[in-house]
Protein backbone atom coordinates (compact mmCIF):
# COMPACT_ATOMS: atom_id res chain seq x y z
CA MET A 1 -74.70 -95.18 -188.22
CA ALA A 2 -72.93 -98.24 -189.52
CA ASN A 3 -75.30 -99.02 -192.41
CA LYS A 4 -78.93 -99.28 -193.40
CA ARG A 5 -79.13 -102.98 -192.58
CA SER A 6 -78.06 -102.52 -188.96
CA LEU A 7 -80.44 -99.58 -188.56
CA LYS A 8 -83.33 -101.71 -189.85
CA ARG A 9 -82.34 -104.52 -187.48
CA ASN A 10 -82.35 -102.11 -184.55
CA ILE A 11 -85.77 -100.79 -185.52
CA ASN A 12 -87.10 -104.35 -185.87
CA PHE A 13 -85.65 -105.34 -182.50
CA VAL A 14 -87.02 -102.34 -180.60
CA CYS A 15 -90.48 -102.62 -182.14
CA SER A 16 -90.68 -106.36 -181.51
CA GLU A 17 -89.69 -105.86 -177.86
CA LEU A 18 -92.32 -103.14 -177.44
CA PHE A 19 -94.93 -105.34 -179.10
CA SER A 20 -94.16 -108.31 -176.85
CA GLU A 21 -94.22 -106.08 -173.76
CA VAL A 22 -97.70 -104.81 -174.62
CA VAL A 23 -98.94 -108.36 -175.26
CA ALA A 24 -97.51 -109.51 -171.92
CA ILE A 25 -99.13 -106.60 -170.08
CA SER A 26 -102.46 -107.32 -171.76
CA TYR A 27 -102.42 -110.84 -170.28
CA THR A 28 -101.30 -109.86 -166.80
CA THR A 29 -103.35 -106.71 -166.10
CA ASP A 30 -106.91 -105.54 -166.55
CA ALA A 31 -106.04 -103.18 -169.39
CA SER A 32 -108.88 -102.42 -171.77
CA ASP A 33 -108.77 -104.13 -175.15
CA GLU A 34 -109.12 -100.81 -176.95
CA ASP A 35 -106.00 -99.38 -175.29
CA VAL A 36 -104.00 -102.50 -176.03
CA LYS A 37 -105.11 -102.57 -179.67
CA ALA A 38 -104.31 -98.88 -180.06
CA LEU A 39 -100.80 -99.37 -178.67
CA LEU A 40 -100.14 -102.42 -180.84
CA THR A 41 -101.37 -100.57 -183.91
CA SER A 42 -99.19 -97.55 -183.18
CA ILE A 43 -96.13 -99.80 -182.75
CA LEU A 44 -96.80 -101.44 -186.11
CA VAL A 45 -97.29 -98.06 -187.79
CA ILE A 46 -94.04 -96.75 -186.35
CA HIS A 47 -92.21 -99.89 -187.45
CA ASN A 48 -93.50 -99.75 -191.01
CA ASP A 49 -92.91 -96.02 -191.31
CA TYR A 50 -89.31 -96.05 -190.14
CA VAL A 51 -88.24 -99.18 -192.02
CA ARG A 52 -89.56 -97.62 -195.22
CA ARG A 53 -87.89 -94.29 -194.49
CA VAL A 54 -84.50 -95.96 -194.00
CA SER A 55 -84.60 -97.26 -197.56
CA HIS A 56 -85.48 -93.93 -199.17
CA VAL A 57 -83.43 -90.89 -198.26
CA GLU A 58 -85.28 -87.65 -198.87
CA PRO A 59 -83.94 -85.86 -201.94
CA GLY A 60 -82.18 -82.58 -201.32
CA LEU A 61 -81.20 -83.51 -197.77
CA ALA A 62 -77.74 -84.70 -196.80
CA PRO A 63 -77.87 -88.40 -195.87
CA ARG A 64 -76.00 -87.81 -192.60
CA LEU A 65 -78.58 -85.22 -191.47
CA PHE A 66 -81.46 -87.37 -192.69
CA PHE A 67 -80.40 -90.40 -190.66
CA LYS A 68 -79.58 -88.32 -187.60
CA ASP A 69 -83.07 -86.80 -187.72
CA LEU A 70 -84.63 -90.21 -188.40
CA ILE A 71 -82.95 -91.76 -185.36
CA THR A 72 -83.88 -88.82 -183.14
CA ASN A 73 -87.53 -88.96 -184.18
CA PHE A 74 -87.65 -92.74 -183.77
CA ASN A 75 -86.22 -92.51 -180.27
CA LYS A 76 -88.74 -89.82 -179.36
CA GLN A 77 -91.68 -91.92 -180.58
CA VAL A 78 -90.37 -95.00 -178.79
CA SER A 79 -90.16 -92.98 -175.57
CA GLU A 80 -93.78 -91.93 -176.00
CA ILE A 81 -94.82 -95.55 -176.53
CA ILE A 82 -92.91 -96.60 -173.41
CA ASP A 83 -94.72 -93.91 -171.41
CA GLN A 84 -98.04 -95.21 -172.69
CA ILE A 85 -97.05 -98.77 -171.76
CA THR A 86 -96.18 -97.73 -168.20
CA ASN A 87 -99.53 -95.95 -167.89
CA LEU A 88 -101.29 -99.06 -169.22
CA GLY A 89 -99.84 -101.45 -166.66
């Protein structure tokens, strides 16, 4: 991890790409509005959660371990969102 700013930029970039992909799929396929809204909401929740967590390291935990765990969990949730997107389209 280079620094908090680059980590936040990466989170912003990934979430914005996921968001735009869901919006594009909603226009091109016959996906239900409820599924699309649920996916968009979950992307926004993930974005807000992880950007906030970057700024506040949990007390009592080594920063290196905290950020490693944060990145691992973020990648896992992004993979789940991508799976849901592929099932949507």
